[in-house]
N, C-alpha and C. Protein backbone atom coordinates (compact mmCIF):
# COMPACT_ATOMS: atom_id res chain seq x y z
N UNK A 1 -11.10 0.55 4.46
CA UNK A 1 -10.94 -0.21 5.67
C UNK A 1 -11.48 0.73 6.81
N UNK A 2 -12.09 -0.16 7.79
CA UNK A 2 -12.99 0.59 8.99
C UNK A 2 -11.82 0.69 10.16
N UNK A 3 -12.08 1.46 10.90
CA UNK A 3 -11.35 1.40 12.14
C UNK A 3 -12.40 0.63 13.05
N UNK A 4 -11.87 -0.10 14.31
CA UNK A 4 -12.71 -0.94 14.84
C UNK A 4 -13.91 -0.40 15.28
N UNK A 5 -14.17 0.87 16.03
CA UNK A 5 -15.03 1.63 16.16
C UNK A 5 -16.22 2.05 14.95
N UNK A 6 -15.82 2.03 13.72
CA UNK A 6 -16.73 2.53 12.51
C UNK A 6 -17.81 1.71 12.15
N UNK A 7 -18.77 2.43 11.73
CA UNK A 7 -20.01 1.86 11.18
C UNK A 7 -19.79 1.12 10.13
N UNK A 8 -20.71 0.00 9.53
CA UNK A 8 -20.31 -0.58 8.22
C UNK A 8 -20.71 0.37 6.78
N UNK A 9 -21.45 1.48 7.17
CA UNK A 9 -21.84 2.20 5.77
C UNK A 9 -20.27 3.06 5.71
N UNK A 10 -19.54 2.69 4.88
CA UNK A 10 -18.70 3.60 4.76
C UNK A 10 -18.51 4.47 3.35
N UNK A 11 -19.25 4.28 2.41
CA UNK A 11 -19.28 4.84 1.23
C UNK A 11 -20.31 6.25 1.43
N UNK A 12 -20.17 7.01 0.27
CA UNK A 12 -21.12 8.06 0.61
C UNK A 12 -22.37 7.92 0.39
N UNK A 13 -22.86 6.87 -0.09
CA UNK A 13 -24.53 6.76 -0.29
C UNK A 13 -24.80 5.81 0.92
N UNK A 14 -23.89 5.49 1.86
CA UNK A 14 -24.19 4.60 3.09
C UNK A 14 -24.09 3.27 2.69
N UNK A 15 -23.62 2.77 1.52
CA UNK A 15 -23.07 1.32 1.26
C UNK A 15 -21.73 0.92 1.25
N UNK A 16 -21.40 0.02 1.58
CA UNK A 16 -20.13 -0.71 1.59
C UNK A 16 -19.29 -0.52 0.24
N UNK A 17 -18.18 0.28 0.27
CA UNK A 17 -17.49 0.29 -0.64
C UNK A 17 -17.12 -1.20 -1.71
N UNK A 18 -17.33 -0.90 -2.84
CA UNK A 18 -17.25 -2.49 -3.67
C UNK A 18 -15.77 -2.66 -4.18
N UNK A 19 -15.72 -3.88 -4.65
CA UNK A 19 -14.59 -4.14 -5.17
C UNK A 19 -14.11 -3.45 -6.42
N UNK A 20 -14.67 -3.00 -7.14
CA UNK A 20 -14.42 -2.07 -8.34
C UNK A 20 -14.05 -0.85 -7.95
N UNK A 21 -14.59 -0.12 -6.88
CA UNK A 21 -14.05 0.98 -6.40
C UNK A 21 -12.54 1.00 -5.75
N UNK A 22 -12.49 -0.33 -4.79
CA UNK A 22 -11.09 -0.64 -4.44
C UNK A 22 -10.09 -0.63 -5.58
N UNK A 23 -10.32 -1.55 -6.60
CA UNK A 23 -9.44 -1.99 -7.68
C UNK A 23 -9.20 -0.24 -8.39
N UNK A 24 -10.05 0.42 -8.58
CA UNK A 24 -9.84 1.71 -9.35
C UNK A 24 -8.79 2.67 -8.41
N UNK A 25 -9.28 2.38 -7.07
CA UNK A 25 -8.49 3.38 -6.32
C UNK A 25 -6.86 3.20 -6.59
N UNK A 26 -6.72 1.62 -6.69
CA UNK A 26 -5.20 1.59 -6.74
C UNK A 26 -4.23 2.19 -8.06
N UNK A 27 -5.15 2.91 -9.11
CA UNK A 27 -4.70 3.52 -10.06
C UNK A 27 -4.34 5.01 -9.51
N UNK A 28 -4.78 5.34 -8.37
CA UNK A 28 -4.55 6.59 -7.82
C UNK A 28 -3.74 6.71 -6.89
N UNK A 29 -2.95 5.44 -6.63
CA UNK A 29 -2.11 5.33 -5.61
C UNK A 29 -0.76 5.93 -5.93
N UNK A 30 -0.61 7.09 -5.05
CA UNK A 30 0.67 8.10 -5.58
C UNK A 30 1.96 7.28 -5.22
N UNK A 31 2.25 6.37 -4.13
CA UNK A 31 3.38 5.73 -4.10
C UNK A 31 3.63 4.91 -5.30
N UNK A 32 2.72 4.15 -5.73
CA UNK A 32 3.07 3.25 -7.15
C UNK A 32 3.46 4.12 -8.14
N UNK A 33 2.88 5.25 -8.29
CA UNK A 33 3.25 6.14 -9.52
C UNK A 33 4.53 6.74 -9.52
N UNK A 34 4.89 7.08 -8.16
CA UNK A 34 6.11 7.42 -8.05
C UNK A 34 7.38 6.33 -7.95
N UNK A 35 7.05 5.35 -7.55
CA UNK A 35 7.96 4.10 -7.58
C UNK A 35 8.06 3.83 -9.28
N UNK A 36 7.17 3.91 -9.93
CA UNK A 36 7.21 3.65 -11.27
C UNK A 36 8.20 4.66 -12.25
N UNK A 37 7.83 5.95 -11.81
CA UNK A 37 8.58 7.03 -12.55
C UNK A 37 9.95 7.04 -11.94
N UNK A 38 10.40 6.58 -10.79
CA UNK A 38 11.66 6.37 -10.25
C UNK A 38 12.17 5.23 -11.05
N UNK A 39 11.70 4.29 -11.20
CA UNK A 39 12.18 3.17 -11.56
C UNK A 39 12.68 3.27 -13.07
N UNK A 40 11.74 3.62 -13.79
CA UNK A 40 11.92 4.00 -15.36
C UNK A 40 13.00 5.00 -15.42
N UNK A 41 13.05 5.95 -14.77
CA UNK A 41 14.01 7.00 -15.02
C UNK A 41 15.36 6.64 -14.52
N UNK A 42 15.41 5.82 -13.38
CA UNK A 42 16.54 5.34 -12.86
C UNK A 42 17.52 3.99 -13.40
N UNK A 43 16.58 3.09 -13.93
CA UNK A 43 17.02 1.83 -14.41
C UNK A 43 16.65 1.80 -16.10
N UNK A 44 15.55 1.99 -16.75
CA UNK A 44 15.47 1.76 -18.12
C UNK A 44 15.99 2.83 -18.74
N UNK A 45 15.67 3.95 -18.90
CA UNK A 45 15.92 5.05 -19.41
C UNK A 45 17.46 5.28 -19.63
N UNK A 46 18.19 5.43 -18.54
CA UNK A 46 19.60 5.39 -18.67
C UNK A 46 20.40 4.79 -19.48
N UNK A 47 19.90 3.45 -19.87
CA UNK A 47 20.49 2.36 -20.74
C UNK A 47 19.92 2.32 -22.08
N UNK A 48 19.31 3.12 -22.65
CA UNK A 48 18.73 3.12 -23.85
C UNK A 48 17.24 3.09 -24.03
N UNK A 49 16.71 3.83 -24.80
CA UNK A 49 15.07 3.83 -24.89
C UNK A 49 14.81 3.06 -26.06
N UNK A 50 14.34 1.90 -25.73
CA UNK A 50 13.80 0.88 -26.85
C UNK A 50 12.27 0.60 -26.33
N UNK A 51 11.31 0.40 -27.37
CA UNK A 51 10.06 0.22 -26.97
C UNK A 51 9.82 -0.93 -26.46
N UNK A 52 10.60 -2.27 -26.71
CA UNK A 52 10.48 -3.44 -26.20
C UNK A 52 10.85 -3.74 -24.76
N UNK A 53 11.92 -2.74 -24.53
CA UNK A 53 12.55 -2.93 -23.05
C UNK A 53 11.57 -2.23 -22.06
N UNK A 54 11.08 -0.96 -22.39
CA UNK A 54 9.95 -0.51 -21.87
C UNK A 54 8.76 -1.10 -21.39
N UNK A 55 8.01 -1.72 -22.61
CA UNK A 55 7.10 -2.61 -22.50
C UNK A 55 7.25 -3.80 -21.60
N UNK A 56 8.53 -4.53 -21.75
CA UNK A 56 8.72 -5.68 -20.67
C UNK A 56 8.74 -5.26 -19.24
N UNK A 57 9.52 -3.85 -19.05
CA UNK A 57 9.65 -3.42 -17.70
C UNK A 57 8.26 -3.29 -17.32
N UNK A 58 7.70 -2.55 -17.92
CA UNK A 58 5.98 -2.16 -17.49
C UNK A 58 5.15 -3.47 -16.99
N UNK A 59 5.34 -4.47 -17.82
CA UNK A 59 4.46 -5.83 -17.32
C UNK A 59 5.37 -6.25 -16.16
N UNK A 60 6.50 -6.39 -16.02
CA UNK A 60 7.01 -6.56 -14.78
C UNK A 60 6.74 -5.68 -13.54
N UNK A 61 6.59 -4.33 -14.00
CA UNK A 61 6.31 -3.45 -12.49
C UNK A 61 4.75 -3.64 -12.27
N UNK A 62 3.99 -3.67 -13.30
CA UNK A 62 2.50 -4.26 -12.99
C UNK A 62 2.28 -5.51 -12.15
N UNK A 63 3.20 -6.57 -12.59
CA UNK A 63 2.91 -7.79 -11.79
C UNK A 63 3.51 -7.44 -10.27
N UNK A 64 4.55 -6.87 -10.26
CA UNK A 64 5.09 -6.64 -8.81
C UNK A 64 4.21 -5.84 -8.18
N UNK A 65 3.69 -4.80 -8.60
CA UNK A 65 2.54 -3.93 -8.04
C UNK A 65 1.31 -4.56 -7.52
N UNK A 66 0.88 -5.72 -8.78
CA UNK A 66 -0.38 -6.64 -8.16
C UNK A 66 -0.20 -7.50 -7.07
N UNK A 67 1.08 -7.95 -7.22
CA UNK A 67 1.60 -8.90 -6.05
C UNK A 67 1.62 -8.52 -4.81
N UNK A 68 2.36 -7.05 -4.66
CA UNK A 68 2.45 -6.42 -3.47
C UNK A 68 0.97 -6.00 -3.00
N UNK A 69 0.05 -5.53 -3.53
CA UNK A 69 -1.22 -5.28 -3.31
C UNK A 69 -2.04 -6.57 -2.71
N UNK A 70 -1.76 -7.70 -3.58
CA UNK A 70 -2.34 -8.86 -3.09
C UNK A 70 -1.94 -9.28 -1.51
N UNK A 71 -0.61 -9.25 -1.46
CA UNK A 71 -0.11 -9.66 -0.07
C UNK A 71 -0.46 -8.81 1.15
N UNK A 72 -0.60 -7.49 0.62
CA UNK A 72 -0.92 -6.32 1.63
C UNK A 72 -2.52 -6.46 1.86
N UNK A 73 -3.53 -6.80 1.09
CA UNK A 73 -4.74 -7.24 1.28
C UNK A 73 -4.91 -8.39 2.12
N UNK A 74 -4.36 -9.32 1.68
CA UNK A 74 -4.45 -10.69 2.31
C UNK A 74 -3.86 -10.59 3.77
N UNK A 75 -2.71 -10.01 3.85
CA UNK A 75 -2.27 -9.95 5.68
C UNK A 75 -3.24 -8.99 6.20
N UNK A 76 -3.81 -8.03 5.47
CA UNK A 76 -4.76 -7.01 6.06
C UNK A 76 -5.90 -7.73 6.67
N UNK A 77 -6.49 -8.88 5.94
CA UNK A 77 -7.60 -9.23 6.28
C UNK A 77 -7.62 -10.47 7.26
N UNK A 78 -6.22 -10.94 7.15
CA UNK A 78 -5.87 -11.89 8.25
C UNK A 78 -5.90 -11.60 9.55
N UNK A 79 -5.23 -10.18 9.42
CA UNK A 79 -4.71 -9.69 10.77
C UNK A 79 -5.86 -8.85 11.47
N UNK A 80 -6.90 -8.32 10.46
CA UNK A 80 -7.99 -7.65 11.07
C UNK A 80 -8.85 -8.06 12.23
N UNK A 81 -9.07 -9.48 12.37
CA UNK A 81 -9.37 -9.88 13.51
C UNK A 81 -8.76 -9.54 14.95
N UNK A 82 -7.65 -9.88 14.66
CA UNK A 82 -6.67 -9.83 15.80
C UNK A 82 -6.62 -8.33 16.21
N UNK A 83 -6.32 -7.43 15.15
CA UNK A 83 -6.31 -6.21 15.58
C UNK A 83 -7.65 -5.40 15.99
N UNK A 84 -8.68 -5.92 15.55
CA UNK A 84 -10.05 -5.46 16.36
C UNK A 84 -10.45 -5.82 17.63
N UNK A 85 -9.58 -6.99 17.98
CA UNK A 85 -9.92 -7.52 19.31
C UNK A 85 -8.83 -6.69 20.31
N UNK A 86 -7.68 -6.46 19.96
CA UNK A 86 -6.63 -5.76 20.75
C UNK A 86 -6.20 -4.66 20.06
N UNK A 87 -7.00 -3.69 19.69
CA UNK A 87 -6.58 -2.68 18.80
C UNK A 87 -5.93 -1.66 19.94
N UNK A 88 -6.07 -1.41 20.97
CA UNK A 88 -5.74 -0.32 22.00
C UNK A 88 -4.09 -0.83 22.15
N UNK A 89 -4.14 -2.15 22.74
CA UNK A 89 -2.54 -2.76 22.83
C UNK A 89 -1.63 -2.71 21.57
N UNK A 90 -2.28 -3.03 20.34
CA UNK A 90 -1.68 -2.98 19.01
C UNK A 90 -1.12 -1.47 18.80
N UNK A 91 -2.22 -0.44 18.98
CA UNK A 91 -1.52 0.96 18.78
C UNK A 91 -0.51 1.51 19.73
N UNK A 92 -0.70 0.95 20.96
CA UNK A 92 0.27 1.40 21.87
C UNK A 92 1.70 0.87 21.62
N UNK A 93 1.74 -0.42 21.21
CA UNK A 93 2.92 -0.97 20.64
C UNK A 93 3.57 -0.25 19.65
N UNK A 94 2.68 -0.28 18.78
CA UNK A 94 3.20 0.51 17.25
C UNK A 94 3.63 2.08 17.40
N UNK A 95 3.01 2.77 18.58
CA UNK A 95 3.37 4.24 19.04
C UNK A 95 4.82 3.97 19.66
N UNK A 96 4.90 2.87 20.41
CA UNK A 96 6.26 2.99 21.01
C UNK A 96 7.44 2.28 20.09
N UNK A 97 7.21 1.79 19.05
CA UNK A 97 8.01 1.48 18.13
C UNK A 97 8.32 2.69 17.12
N UNK A 98 7.24 3.55 17.09
CA UNK A 98 7.59 4.68 16.33
C UNK A 98 8.39 5.75 17.05
N UNK A 99 8.26 5.84 18.21
CA UNK A 99 9.11 6.67 19.18
C UNK A 99 10.37 6.07 19.24
N UNK A 100 10.79 4.67 19.15
CA UNK A 100 11.91 4.14 19.41
C UNK A 100 12.78 4.32 17.81
N UNK A 101 11.99 4.60 16.75
CA UNK A 101 12.61 4.65 15.55
C UNK A 101 12.90 6.08 15.36
N UNK A 102 11.80 7.02 15.89
CA UNK A 102 12.55 8.38 15.90
C UNK A 102 13.55 8.66 16.89
N UNK A 103 13.78 7.75 18.01
CA UNK A 103 14.96 8.50 18.85
C UNK A 103 16.31 7.61 18.07
N UNK A 104 16.11 6.60 17.39
CA UNK A 104 17.31 5.99 16.74
C UNK A 104 17.77 7.19 15.56
N UNK A 105 16.77 7.77 14.85
CA UNK A 105 17.28 8.68 13.93
C UNK A 105 17.74 9.82 14.52
N UNK A 106 17.14 10.60 15.39
CA UNK A 106 17.83 11.69 16.19
C UNK A 106 19.00 11.46 16.82
N UNK A 107 19.20 10.24 17.38
CA UNK A 107 20.56 10.00 18.04
C UNK A 107 21.62 9.53 17.36
N UNK A 108 21.59 9.70 16.05
CA UNK A 108 22.77 9.26 15.03
C UNK A 108 23.68 10.50 14.92
């Protein structure tokens, strides 16, 4: 993903990153790995360890993760033209929302 002022050459060799590189990067996504560990230890393993249950849950988790990534990528691609046109305004709104959230947290 490029910022609005970045060049098109994102990769180390000056070439844009490929689909395969992006796909392989998802296996290094720490959030998905932690979600999987928490889900397995919290929902599957306490109720009994059976191989079919773990395999079934693995397929369900993989489908949910793939769907989430697809939605994230699609919305990112759809919103990028809008963001690149109004990035200063969008950044200001996001900063204000972040400050509002922080205020709500510390004022509780």
